[in-house]
Amino acid sequence: MEYKASIKNYRSTPRKARLIADFVRGKDVKKAIAELKFINKKAGEGFIKLLNSAIANAENNYSADSSKLFIKEIRVDEGASLKRYRAGSNGRALPFKRRLSNISVVLAEKAVKAEK
């Protein structure tokens, strides 16, 4: 069974958020949350909230055991861009974009190996 959660328009650039997504991809959920608490990136807080939301979805909606969950898929896509202006030379205004991220995670349960 798969359990999903997502964040829309998270205030971090996709390029920076993908570094954290690559770091936690494929890990146990509890281990990933423990490691994210000590990562030195702003987007780490958003990933912790997202993983906690996915765990809550699994436990409350499907009565899943959270100790068996791992991150099957995590994806960071580009969200909306906020268009802003910065002062330029000779009184000009130079445009730039504040990029936002859409982050989605899919959790799955580990398969239990049968003993012989």
PDB file of N, CA and C in Angstrom:
ATOM      1  N   MET A   1       0.843  -1.181   0.000  1.00  0.00           N
ATOM      2  CA  MET A   1       0.000   0.000   0.000  1.00  0.00           C
ATOM      3  C   MET A   1       0.887   1.242   0.000  1.00  0.00           C
ATOM      4  N   GLU A   2       0.451   2.265  -0.685  1.00  0.00           N
ATOM      5  CA  GLU A   2       1.200   3.514  -0.762  1.00  0.00           C
ATOM      6  C   GLU A   2       0.423   4.622  -0.056  1.00  0.00           C
ATOM      7  N   TYR A   3       1.164   5.504   0.602  1.00  0.00           N
ATOM      8  CA  TYR A   3       0.585   6.609   1.347  1.00  0.00           C
ATOM      9  C   TYR A   3       1.236   7.897   0.859  1.00  0.00           C
ATOM     10  N   LYS A   4       0.408   8.911   0.570  1.00  0.00           N
ATOM     11  CA  LYS A   4       0.917  10.116  -0.083  1.00  0.00           C
ATOM     12  C   LYS A   4       0.672  11.360   0.764  1.00  0.00           C
ATOM     13  N   ALA A   5       1.520  12.358   0.519  1.00  0.00           N
ATOM     14  CA  ALA A   5       1.340  13.699   1.066  1.00  0.00           C
ATOM     15  C   ALA A   5       2.080  14.664   0.154  1.00  0.00           C
ATOM     16  N   SER A   6       1.660  15.939   0.167  1.00  0.00           N
ATOM     17  CA  SER A   6       2.325  16.911  -0.698  1.00  0.00           C
ATOM     18  C   SER A   6       2.237  18.306  -0.103  1.00  0.00           C
ATOM     19  N   ILE A   7       3.166  19.153  -0.535  1.00  0.00           N
ATOM     20  CA  ILE A   7       3.179  20.572  -0.184  1.00  0.00           C
ATOM     21  C   ILE A   7       3.157  21.339  -1.499  1.00  0.00           C
ATOM     22  N   LYS A   8       2.279  22.300  -1.608  1.00  0.00           N
ATOM     23  CA  LYS A   8       2.207  23.149  -2.790  1.00  0.00           C
ATOM     24  C   LYS A   8       2.828  24.504  -2.470  1.00  0.00           C
ATOM     25  N   ASN A   9       3.619  25.025  -3.395  1.00  0.00           N
ATOM     26  CA  ASN A   9       4.219  26.355  -3.303  1.00  0.00           C
ATOM     27  C   ASN A   9       5.004  26.569  -2.008  1.00  0.00           C
ATOM     28  N   TYR A  10       5.910  25.631  -1.718  1.00  0.00           N
ATOM     29  CA  TYR A  10       6.787  25.778  -0.560  1.00  0.00           C
ATOM     30  C   TYR A  10       7.873  26.796  -0.888  1.00  0.00           C
ATOM     31  N   ARG A  11       8.183  27.683   0.047  1.00  0.00           N
ATOM     32  CA  ARG A  11       9.055  28.829  -0.213  1.00  0.00           C
ATOM     33  C   ARG A  11      10.532  28.437  -0.161  1.00  0.00           C
ATOM     34  N   SER A  12      10.917  27.615  -1.104  1.00  0.00           N
ATOM     35  CA  SER A  12      12.309  27.230  -1.303  1.00  0.00           C
ATOM     36  C   SER A  12      12.471  26.894  -2.780  1.00  0.00           C
ATOM     37  N   THR A  13      13.619  27.209  -3.330  1.00  0.00           N
ATOM     38  CA  THR A  13      13.809  26.926  -4.743  1.00  0.00           C
ATOM     39  C   THR A  13      13.882  25.410  -4.974  1.00  0.00           C
ATOM     40  N   PRO A  14      13.405  24.938  -6.113  1.00  0.00           N
ATOM     41  CA  PRO A  14      13.442  23.501  -6.379  1.00  0.00           C
ATOM     42  C   PRO A  14      14.857  22.939  -6.378  1.00  0.00           C
ATOM     43  N   ARG A  15      15.804  23.703  -6.855  1.00  0.00           N
ATOM     44  CA  ARG A  15      17.186  23.225  -6.914  1.00  0.00           C
ATOM     45  C   ARG A  15      17.734  22.931  -5.517  1.00  0.00           C
ATOM     46  N   LYS A  16      17.433  23.799  -4.566  1.00  0.00           N
ATOM     47  CA  LYS A  16      17.913  23.598  -3.195  1.00  0.00           C
ATOM     48  C   LYS A  16      17.132  22.488  -2.493  1.00  0.00           C
ATOM     49  N   ALA A  17      15.834  22.392  -2.782  1.00  0.00           N
ATOM     50  CA  ALA A  17      15.014  21.361  -2.152  1.00  0.00           C
ATOM     51  C   ALA A  17      15.370  19.971  -2.666  1.00  0.00           C
ATOM     52  N   ARG A  18      15.819  19.864  -3.915  1.00  0.00           N
ATOM     53  CA  ARG A  18      16.184  18.555  -4.475  1.00  0.00           C
ATOM     54  C   ARG A  18      17.404  17.962  -3.778  1.00  0.00           C
ATOM     55  N   LEU A  19      18.272  18.814  -3.244  1.00  0.00           N
ATOM     56  CA  LEU A  19      19.420  18.308  -2.487  1.00  0.00           C
ATOM     57  C   LEU A  19      18.951  17.504  -1.278  1.00  0.00           C
ATOM     58  N   ILE A  20      17.945  18.008  -0.603  1.00  0.00           N
ATOM     59  CA  ILE A  20      17.416  17.319   0.575  1.00  0.00           C
ATOM     60  C   ILE A  20      16.625  16.088   0.155  1.00  0.00           C
ATOM     61  N   ALA A  21      15.877  16.185  -0.939  1.00  0.00           N
ATOM     62  CA  ALA A  21      15.107  15.035  -1.426  1.00  0.00           C
ATOM     63  C   ALA A  21      16.030  13.875  -1.781  1.00  0.00           C
ATOM     64  N   ASP A  22      17.157  14.172  -2.411  1.00  0.00           N
ATOM     65  CA  ASP A  22      18.116  13.125  -2.749  1.00  0.00           C
ATOM     66  C   ASP A  22      18.731  12.516  -1.493  1.00  0.00           C
ATOM     67  N   PHE A  23      18.865  13.326  -0.452  1.00  0.00           N
ATOM     68  CA  PHE A  23      19.463  12.870   0.798  1.00  0.00           C
ATOM     69  C   PHE A  23      18.579  11.842   1.520  1.00  0.00           C
ATOM     70  N   VAL A  24      17.253  12.028   1.486  1.00  0.00           N
ATOM     71  CA  VAL A  24      16.362  11.153   2.252  1.00  0.00           C
ATOM     72  C   VAL A  24      15.689  10.070   1.421  1.00  0.00           C
ATOM     73  N   ARG A  25      15.839  10.097   0.120  1.00  0.00           N
ATOM     74  CA  ARG A  25      15.150   9.134  -0.742  1.00  0.00           C
ATOM     75  C   ARG A  25      15.551   7.697  -0.405  1.00  0.00           C
ATOM     76  N   GLY A  26      14.544   6.829  -0.192  1.00  0.00           N
ATOM     77  CA  GLY A  26      14.777   5.417   0.060  1.00  0.00           C
ATOM     78  C   GLY A  26      15.024   5.053   1.512  1.00  0.00           C
ATOM     79  N   LYS A  27      15.068   6.017   2.420  1.00  0.00           N
ATOM     80  CA  LYS A  27      15.365   5.736   3.829  1.00  0.00           C
ATOM     81  C   LYS A  27      14.104   5.436   4.617  1.00  0.00           C
ATOM     82  N   ASP A  28      14.282   4.828   5.781  1.00  0.00           N
ATOM     83  CA  ASP A  28      13.180   4.663   6.719  1.00  0.00           C
ATOM     84  C   ASP A  28      12.700   6.041   7.152  1.00  0.00           C
ATOM     85  N   VAL A  29      11.412   6.157   7.413  1.00  0.00           N
ATOM     86  CA  VAL A  29      10.834   7.456   7.728  1.00  0.00           C
ATOM     87  C   VAL A  29      11.383   8.007   9.032  1.00  0.00           C
ATOM     88  N   LYS A  30      11.442   7.188  10.059  1.00  0.00           N
ATOM     89  CA  LYS A  30      11.929   7.658  11.366  1.00  0.00           C
ATOM     90  C   LYS A  30      13.395   8.078  11.284  1.00  0.00           C
ATOM     91  N   LYS A  31      14.194   7.316  10.544  1.00  0.00           N
ATOM     92  CA  LYS A  31      15.608   7.652  10.382  1.00  0.00           C
ATOM     93  C   LYS A  31      15.764   8.945   9.583  1.00  0.00           C
ATOM     94  N   ALA A  32      14.944   9.122   8.553  1.00  0.00           N
ATOM     95  CA  ALA A  32      15.018  10.329   7.729  1.00  0.00           C
ATOM     96  C   ALA A  32      14.661  11.568   8.542  1.00  0.00           C
ATOM     97  N   ILE A  33      13.631  11.481   9.377  1.00  0.00           N
ATOM     98  CA  ILE A  33      13.243  12.617  10.216  1.00  0.00           C
ATOM     99  C   ILE A  33      14.344  12.951  11.213  1.00  0.00           C
ATOM    100  N   ALA A  34      14.954  11.924  11.795  1.00  0.00           N
ATOM    101  CA  ALA A  34      16.046  12.162  12.743  1.00  0.00           C
ATOM    102  C   ALA A  34      17.232  12.846  12.069  1.00  0.00           C
ATOM    103  N   GLU A  35      17.541  12.461  10.843  1.00  0.00           N
ATOM    104  CA  GLU A  35      18.657  13.082  10.131  1.00  0.00           C
ATOM    105  C   GLU A  35      18.313  14.490   9.650  1.00  0.00           C
ATOM    106  N   LEU A  36      17.052  14.722   9.295  1.00  0.00           N
ATOM    107  CA  LEU A  36      16.650  16.051   8.821  1.00  0.00           C
ATOM    108  C   LEU A  36      16.686  17.096   9.937  1.00  0.00           C
ATOM    109  N   LYS A  37      16.547  16.667  11.176  1.00  0.00           N
ATOM    110  CA  LYS A  37      16.603  17.621  12.294  1.00  0.00           C
ATOM    111  C   LYS A  37      17.966  18.277  12.409  1.00  0.00           C
ATOM    112  N   PHE A  38      19.009  17.616  11.907  1.00  0.00           N
ATOM    113  CA  PHE A  38      20.368  18.132  12.037  1.00  0.00           C
ATOM    114  C   PHE A  38      20.947  18.638  10.719  1.00  0.00           C
ATOM    115  N   ILE A  39      20.151  18.648   9.665  1.00  0.00           N
ATOM    116  CA  ILE A  39      20.664  19.127   8.388  1.00  0.00           C
ATOM    117  C   ILE A  39      20.655  20.657   8.392  1.00  0.00           C
ATOM    118  N   ASN A  40      21.649  21.243   7.786  1.00  0.00           N
ATOM    119  CA  ASN A  40      21.826  22.693   7.833  1.00  0.00           C
ATOM    120  C   ASN A  40      21.221  23.354   6.590  1.00  0.00           C
ATOM    121  N   LYS A  41      19.950  23.109   6.357  1.00  0.00           N
ATOM    122  CA  LYS A  41      19.240  23.695   5.220  1.00  0.00           C
ATOM    123  C   LYS A  41      17.865  24.166   5.684  1.00  0.00           C
ATOM    124  N   LYS A  42      17.421  25.295   5.137  1.00  0.00           N
ATOM    125  CA  LYS A  42      16.118  25.848   5.515  1.00  0.00           C
ATOM    126  C   LYS A  42      14.972  24.926   5.114  1.00  0.00           C
ATOM    127  N   ALA A  43      15.081  24.289   3.965  1.00  0.00           N
ATOM    128  CA  ALA A  43      14.003  23.441   3.451  1.00  0.00           C
ATOM    129  C   ALA A  43      13.829  22.164   4.276  1.00  0.00           C
ATOM    130  N   GLY A  44      14.763  21.850   5.154  1.00  0.00           N
ATOM    131  CA  GLY A  44      14.654  20.662   5.983  1.00  0.00           C
ATOM    132  C   GLY A  44      13.419  20.676   6.868  1.00  0.00           C
ATOM    133  N   GLU A  45      13.025  21.854   7.351  1.00  0.00           N
ATOM    134  CA  GLU A  45      11.833  21.966   8.192  1.00  0.00           C
ATOM    135  C   GLU A  45      10.578  21.550   7.422  1.00  0.00           C
ATOM    136  N   GLY A  46      10.492  21.978   6.174  1.00  0.00           N
ATOM    137  CA  GLY A  46       9.341  21.618   5.352  1.00  0.00           C
ATOM    138  C   GLY A  46       9.265  20.124   5.078  1.00  0.00           C
ATOM    139  N   PHE A  47      10.415  19.504   4.886  1.00  0.00           N
ATOM    140  CA  PHE A  47      10.447  18.061   4.648  1.00  0.00           C
ATOM    141  C   PHE A  47      10.028  17.291   5.899  1.00  0.00           C
ATOM    142  N   ILE A  48      10.410  17.779   7.076  1.00  0.00           N
ATOM    143  CA  ILE A  48       9.992  17.123   8.322  1.00  0.00           C
ATOM    144  C   ILE A  48       8.476  17.184   8.458  1.00  0.00           C
ATOM    145  N   LYS A  49       7.892  18.365   8.198  1.00  0.00           N
ATOM    146  CA  LYS A  49       6.438  18.504   8.278  1.00  0.00           C
ATOM    147  C   LYS A  49       5.735  17.623   7.259  1.00  0.00           C
ATOM    148  N   LEU A  50       6.305  17.539   6.062  1.00  0.00           N
ATOM    149  CA  LEU A  50       5.715  16.714   5.010  1.00  0.00           C
ATOM    150  C   LEU A  50       5.743  15.234   5.391  1.00  0.00           C
ATOM    151  N   LEU A  51       6.861  14.760   5.922  1.00  0.00           N
ATOM    152  CA  LEU A  51       6.954  13.358   6.323  1.00  0.00           C
ATOM    153  C   LEU A  51       6.014  13.050   7.489  1.00  0.00           C
ATOM    154  N   ASN A  52       5.906  13.967   8.447  1.00  0.00           N
ATOM    155  CA  ASN A  52       4.969  13.762   9.552  1.00  0.00           C
ATOM    156  C   ASN A  52       3.532  13.713   9.058  1.00  0.00           C
ATOM    157  N   SER A  53       3.197  14.523   8.054  1.00  0.00           N
ATOM    158  CA  SER A  53       1.864  14.500   7.473  1.00  0.00           C
ATOM    159  C   SER A  53       1.591  13.172   6.764  1.00  0.00           C
ATOM    160  N   ALA A  54       2.587  12.670   6.039  1.00  0.00           N
ATOM    161  CA  ALA A  54       2.418  11.391   5.345  1.00  0.00           C
ATOM    162  C   ALA A  54       2.265  10.238   6.340  1.00  0.00           C
ATOM    163  N   ILE A  55       3.010  10.290   7.443  1.00  0.00           N
ATOM    164  CA  ILE A  55       2.874   9.264   8.484  1.00  0.00           C
ATOM    165  C   ILE A  55       1.483   9.318   9.088  1.00  0.00           C
ATOM    166  N   ALA A  56       0.995  10.532   9.374  1.00  0.00           N
ATOM    167  CA  ALA A  56      -0.347  10.680   9.942  1.00  0.00           C
ATOM    168  C   ALA A  56      -1.409  10.171   8.979  1.00  0.00           C
ATOM    169  N   ASN A  57      -1.237  10.431   7.683  1.00  0.00           N
ATOM    170  CA  ASN A  57      -2.179   9.906   6.684  1.00  0.00           C
ATOM    171  C   ASN A  57      -2.200   8.384   6.718  1.00  0.00           C
ATOM    172  N   ALA A  58      -1.028   7.772   6.803  1.00  0.00           N
ATOM    173  CA  ALA A  58      -0.941   6.318   6.805  1.00  0.00           C
ATOM    174  C   ALA A  58      -1.573   5.716   8.058  1.00  0.00           C
ATOM    175  N   GLU A  59      -1.302   6.328   9.203  1.00  0.00           N
ATOM    176  CA  GLU A  59      -1.820   5.780  10.467  1.00  0.00           C
ATOM    177  C   GLU A  59      -3.318   6.000  10.617  1.00  0.00           C
ATOM    178  N   ASN A  60      -3.796   7.203  10.328  1.00  0.00           N
ATOM    179  CA  ASN A  60      -5.200   7.525  10.580  1.00  0.00           C
ATOM    180  C   ASN A  60      -6.140   7.005   9.501  1.00  0.00           C
ATOM    181  N   ASN A  61      -5.723   7.063   8.250  1.00  0.00           N
ATOM    182  CA  ASN A  61      -6.621   6.667   7.173  1.00  0.00           C
ATOM    183  C   ASN A  61      -6.561   5.176   6.850  1.00  0.00           C
ATOM    184  N   TYR A  62      -5.393   4.551   7.080  1.00  0.00           N
ATOM    185  CA  TYR A  62      -5.227   3.159   6.668  1.00  0.00           C
ATOM    186  C   TYR A  62      -4.764   2.239   7.791  1.00  0.00           C
ATOM    187  N   SER A  63      -4.607   2.743   8.998  1.00  0.00           N
ATOM    188  CA  SER A  63      -4.154   1.970  10.166  1.00  0.00           C
ATOM    189  C   SER A  63      -2.832   1.253   9.889  1.00  0.00           C
ATOM    190  N   ALA A  64      -1.906   1.960   9.271  1.00  0.00           N
ATOM    191  CA  ALA A  64      -0.604   1.388   8.949  1.00  0.00           C
ATOM    192  C   ALA A  64       0.325   1.507  10.155  1.00  0.00           C
ATOM    193  N   ASP A  65       1.322   0.626  10.201  1.00  0.00           N
ATOM    194  CA  ASP A  65       2.329   0.654  11.251  1.00  0.00           C
ATOM    195  C   ASP A  65       3.467   1.567  10.795  1.00  0.00           C
ATOM    196  N   SER A  66       3.701   2.659  11.537  1.00  0.00           N
ATOM    197  CA  SER A  66       4.681   3.653  11.097  1.00  0.00           C
ATOM    198  C   SER A  66       6.119   3.152  11.185  1.00  0.00           C
ATOM    199  N   SER A  67       6.365   2.106  11.961  1.00  0.00           N
ATOM    200  CA  SER A  67       7.734   1.594  12.066  1.00  0.00           C
ATOM    201  C   SER A  67       8.166   0.830  10.813  1.00  0.00           C
ATOM    202  N   LYS A  68       7.209   0.453   9.960  1.00  0.00           N
ATOM    203  CA  LYS A  68       7.535  -0.294   8.743  1.00  0.00           C
ATOM    204  C   LYS A  68       7.598   0.580   7.497  1.00  0.00           C
ATOM    205  N   LEU A  69       7.392   1.889   7.639  1.00  0.00           N
ATOM    206  CA  LEU A  69       7.307   2.767   6.475  1.00  0.00           C
ATOM    207  C   LEU A  69       8.682   3.240   6.014  1.00  0.00           C
ATOM    208  N   PHE A  70       8.832   3.370   4.701  1.00  0.00           N
ATOM    209  CA  PHE A  70      10.031   3.962   4.118  1.00  0.00           C
ATOM    210  C   PHE A  70       9.614   4.879   2.977  1.00  0.00           C
ATOM    211  N   ILE A  71      10.530   5.745   2.555  1.00  0.00           N
ATOM    212  CA  ILE A  71      10.241   6.711   1.507  1.00  0.00           C
ATOM    213  C   ILE A  71      10.446   6.035   0.157  1.00  0.00           C
ATOM    214  N   LYS A  72       9.350   5.713  -0.496  1.00  0.00           N
ATOM    215  CA  LYS A  72       9.420   5.032  -1.788  1.00  0.00           C
ATOM    216  C   LYS A  72       9.755   6.014  -2.901  1.00  0.00           C
ATOM    217  N   GLU A  73       9.111   7.173  -2.864  1.00  0.00           N
ATOM    218  CA  GLU A  73       9.323   8.168  -3.911  1.00  0.00           C
ATOM    219  C   GLU A  73       9.182   9.550  -3.296  1.00  0.00           C
ATOM    220  N   ILE A  74      10.084  10.438  -3.667  1.00  0.00           N
ATOM    221  CA  ILE A  74       9.984  11.838  -3.253  1.00  0.00           C
ATOM    222  C   ILE A  74      10.343  12.684  -4.459  1.00  0.00           C
ATOM    223  N   ARG A  75       9.496  13.675  -4.746  1.00  0.00           N
ATOM    224  CA  ARG A  75       9.669  14.451  -5.967  1.00  0.00           C
ATOM    225  C   ARG A  75       9.528  15.934  -5.650  1.00  0.00           C
ATOM    226  N   VAL A  76      10.422  16.719  -6.224  1.00  0.00           N
ATOM    227  CA  VAL A  76      10.376  18.173  -6.076  1.00  0.00           C
ATOM    228  C   VAL A  76      10.184  18.776  -7.464  1.00  0.00           C
ATOM    229  N   ASP A  77       9.050  19.437  -7.666  1.00  0.00           N
ATOM    230  CA  ASP A  77       8.748  20.078  -8.936  1.00  0.00           C
ATOM    231  C   ASP A  77       8.729  21.584  -8.747  1.00  0.00           C
ATOM    232  N   GLU A  78       8.807  22.294  -9.864  1.00  0.00           N
ATOM    233  CA  GLU A  78       8.769  23.748  -9.799  1.00  0.00           C
ATOM    234  C   GLU A  78       7.339  24.223  -9.610  1.00  0.00           C
ATOM    235  N   GLY A  79       7.139  25.121  -8.658  1.00  0.00           N
ATOM    236  CA  GLY A  79       5.822  25.691  -8.415  1.00  0.00           C
ATOM    237  C   GLY A  79       5.703  27.044  -9.096  1.00  0.00           C
ATOM    238  N   ALA A  80       4.842  27.882  -8.562  1.00  0.00           N
ATOM    239  CA  ALA A  80       4.664  29.224  -9.101  1.00  0.00           C
ATOM    240  C   ALA A  80       5.912  30.058  -8.815  1.00  0.00           C
ATOM    241  N   SER A  81       6.084  31.117  -9.578  1.00  0.00           N
ATOM    242  CA  SER A  81       7.194  32.038  -9.351  1.00  0.00           C
ATOM    243  C   SER A  81       6.637  33.399  -8.979  1.00  0.00           C
ATOM    244  N   LEU A  82       7.187  33.980  -7.928  1.00  0.00           N
ATOM    245  CA  LEU A  82       6.799  35.332  -7.544  1.00  0.00           C
ATOM    246  C   LEU A  82       7.678  36.302  -8.319  1.00  0.00           C
ATOM    247  N   LYS A  83       7.070  37.212  -9.033  1.00  0.00           N
ATOM    248  CA  LYS A  83       7.833  38.163  -9.837  1.00  0.00           C
ATOM    249  C   LYS A  83       8.113  39.403  -9.003  1.00  0.00           C
ATOM    250  N   ARG A  84       9.406  39.710  -8.853  1.00  0.00           N
ATOM    251  CA  ARG A  84       9.847  40.832  -8.026  1.00  0.00           C
ATOM    252  C   ARG A  84      10.814  41.696  -8.817  1.00  0.00           C
ATOM    253  N   TYR A  85      11.124  42.859  -8.270  1.00  0.00           N
ATOM    254  CA  TYR A  85      12.047  43.791  -8.920  1.00  0.00           C
ATOM    255  C   TYR A  85      13.115  44.232  -7.942  1.00  0.00           C
ATOM    256  N   ARG A  86      14.311  44.447  -8.465  1.00  0.00           N
ATOM    257  CA  ARG A  86      15.451  44.889  -7.675  1.00  0.00           C
ATOM    258  C   ARG A  86      15.983  46.171  -8.314  1.00  0.00           C
ATOM    259  N   ALA A  87      16.509  47.059  -7.510  1.00  0.00           N
ATOM    260  CA  ALA A  87      17.041  48.312  -8.033  1.00  0.00           C
ATOM    261  C   ALA A  87      18.260  48.041  -8.894  1.00  0.00           C
ATOM    262  N   GLY A  88      18.300  48.686 -10.047  1.00  0.00           N
ATOM    263  CA  GLY A  88      19.426  48.561 -10.951  1.00  0.00           C
ATOM    264  C   GLY A  88      20.118  49.903 -11.129  1.00  0.00           C
ATOM    265  N   SER A  89      21.093  49.936 -11.986  1.00  0.00           N
ATOM    266  CA  SER A  89      21.836  51.174 -12.210  1.00  0.00           C
ATOM    267  C   SER A  89      20.995  52.188 -12.985  1.00  0.00           C
ATOM    268  N   ASN A  90      21.304  53.426 -12.830  1.00  0.00           N
ATOM    269  CA  ASN A  90      20.633  54.537 -13.521  1.00  0.00           C
ATOM    270  C   ASN A  90      19.130  54.575 -13.258  1.00  0.00           C
ATOM    271  N   GLY A  91      18.710  54.185 -12.066  1.00  0.00           N
ATOM    272  CA  GLY A  91      17.296  54.264 -11.695  1.00  0.00           C
ATOM    273  C   GLY A  91      16.416  53.207 -12.319  1.00  0.00           C
ATOM    274  N   ARG A  92      16.989  52.173 -12.866  1.00  0.00           N
ATOM    275  CA  ARG A  92      16.190  51.113 -13.493  1.00  0.00           C
ATOM    276  C   ARG A  92      15.693  50.123 -12.447  1.00  0.00           C
ATOM    277  N   ALA A  93      14.705  49.333 -12.844  1.00  0.00           N
ATOM    278  CA  ALA A  93      14.213  48.227 -12.028  1.00  0.00           C
ATOM    279  C   ALA A  93      14.505  46.936 -12.785  1.00  0.00           C
ATOM    280  N   LEU A  94      15.216  46.018 -12.157  1.00  0.00           N
ATOM    281  CA  LEU A  94      15.587  44.757 -12.805  1.00  0.00           C
ATOM    282  C   LEU A  94      14.719  43.631 -12.252  1.00  0.00           C
ATOM    283  N   PRO A  95      14.025  42.902 -13.128  1.00  0.00           N
ATOM    284  CA  PRO A  95      13.135  41.843 -12.653  1.00  0.00           C
ATOM    285  C   PRO A  95      13.911  40.580 -12.263  1.00  0.00           C
ATOM    286  N   PHE A  96      13.363  39.867 -11.270  1.00  0.00           N
ATOM    287  CA  PHE A  96      13.861  38.543 -10.920  1.00  0.00           C
ATOM    288  C   PHE A  96      12.694  37.737 -10.377  1.00  0.00           C
ATOM    289  N   LYS A  97      12.884  36.420 -10.283  1.00  0.00           N
ATOM    290  CA  LYS A  97      11.817  35.531  -9.832  1.00  0.00           C
ATOM    291  C   LYS A  97      12.200  34.875  -8.518  1.00  0.00           C
ATOM    292  N   ARG A  98      11.261  34.854  -7.595  1.00  0.00           N
ATOM    293  CA  ARG A  98      11.417  34.045  -6.386  1.00  0.00           C
ATOM    294  C   ARG A  98      10.698  32.730  -6.665  1.00  0.00           C
ATOM    295  N   ARG A  99      11.469  31.683  -6.803  1.00  0.00           N
ATOM    296  CA  ARG A  99      10.911  30.402  -7.223  1.00  0.00           C
ATOM    297  C   ARG A  99      10.370  29.617  -6.020  1.00  0.00           C
ATOM    298  N   LEU A 100       9.287  28.896  -6.241  1.00  0.00           N
ATOM    299  CA  LEU A 100       8.642  28.087  -5.219  1.00  0.00           C
ATOM    300  C   LEU A 100       8.648  26.625  -5.666  1.00  0.00           C
ATOM    301  N   SER A 101       8.464  25.720  -4.712  1.00  0.00           N
ATOM    302  CA  SER A 101       8.538  24.290  -4.995  1.00  0.00           C
ATOM    303  C   SER A 101       7.228  23.593  -4.660  1.00  0.00           C
ATOM    304  N   ASN A 102       6.901  22.574  -5.431  1.00  0.00           N
ATOM    305  CA  ASN A 102       5.845  21.629  -5.100  1.00  0.00           C
ATOM    306  C   ASN A 102       6.545  20.315  -4.743  1.00  0.00           C
ATOM    307  N   ILE A 103       6.350  19.865  -3.511  1.00  0.00           N
ATOM    308  CA  ILE A 103       7.032  18.665  -3.028  1.00  0.00           C
ATOM    309  C   ILE A 103       5.993  17.596  -2.747  1.00  0.00           C
ATOM    310  N   SER A 104       6.213  16.389  -3.250  1.00  0.00           N
ATOM    311  CA  SER A 104       5.304  15.277  -2.982  1.00  0.00           C
ATOM    312  C   SER A 104       6.116  14.057  -2.560  1.00  0.00           C
ATOM    313  N   VAL A 105       5.536  13.295  -1.646  1.00  0.00           N
ATOM    314  CA  VAL A 105       6.210  12.111  -1.119  1.00  0.00           C
ATOM    315  C   VAL A 105       5.238  10.935  -1.151  1.00  0.00           C
ATOM    316  N   VAL A 106       5.781   9.760  -1.416  1.00  0.00           N
ATOM    317  CA  VAL A 106       5.018   8.513  -1.387  1.00  0.00           C
ATOM    318  C   VAL A 106       5.738   7.566  -0.432  1.00  0.00           C
ATOM    319  N   LEU A 107       5.017   7.117   0.581  1.00  0.00           N
ATOM    320  CA  LEU A 107       5.563   6.151   1.541  1.00  0.00           C
ATOM    321  C   LEU A 107       5.007   4.772   1.227  1.00  0.00           C
ATOM    322  N   ALA A 108       5.762   3.751   1.559  1.00  0.00           N
ATOM    323  CA  ALA A 108       5.307   2.372   1.382  1.00  0.00           C
ATOM    324  C   ALA A 108       5.808   1.554   2.561  1.00  0.00           C
ATOM    325  N   GLU A 109       5.191   0.402   2.769  1.00  0.00           N
ATOM    326  CA  GLU A 109       5.610  -0.497   3.840  1.00  0.00           C
ATOM    327  C   GLU A 109       6.667  -1.451   3.323  1.00  0.00           C
ATOM    328  N   LYS A 110       7.615  -1.768   4.201  1.00  0.00           N
ATOM    329  CA  LYS A 110       8.642  -2.743   3.837  1.00  0.00           C
ATOM    330  C   LYS A 110       8.023  -4.123   3.763  1.00  0.00           C
ATOM    331  N   ALA A 111       8.472  -4.905   2.807  1.00  0.00           N
ATOM    332  CA  ALA A 111       8.003  -6.276   2.690  1.00  0.00           C
ATOM    333  C   ALA A 111       8.698  -7.118   3.758  1.00  0.00           C
ATOM    334  N   VAL A 112       7.916  -7.900   4.481  1.00  0.00           N
ATOM    335  CA  VAL A 112       8.467  -8.755   5.526  1.00  0.00           C
ATOM    336  C   VAL A 112       8.924 -10.057   4.888  1.00  0.00           C
ATOM    337  N   LYS A 113      10.193 -10.397   5.115  1.00  0.00           N
ATOM    338  CA  LYS A 113      10.726 -11.635   4.549  1.00  0.00           C
ATOM    339  C   LYS A 113      10.276 -12.821   5.392  1.00  0.00           C
ATOM    340  N   ALA A 114       9.833 -13.868   4.728  1.00  0.00           N
ATOM    341  CA  ALA A 114       9.405 -15.071   5.419  1.00  0.00           C
ATOM    342  C   ALA A 114      10.625 -15.868   5.845  1.00  0.00           C
ATOM    343  N   GLU A 115      10.610 -16.313   7.093  1.00  0.00           N
ATOM    344  CA  GLU A 115      11.727 -17.121   7.598  1.00  0.00           C
ATOM    345  C   GLU A 115      11.570 -18.577   7.183  1.00  0.00           C
ATOM    346  N   LYS A 116      12.705 -19.252   6.981  1.00  0.00           N
ATOM    347  CA  LYS A 116      12.669 -20.653   6.556  1.00  0.00           C
ATOM    348  C   LYS A 116      12.696 -21.584   7.732  1.00  0.00           C
TER     349      LYS A 116
END
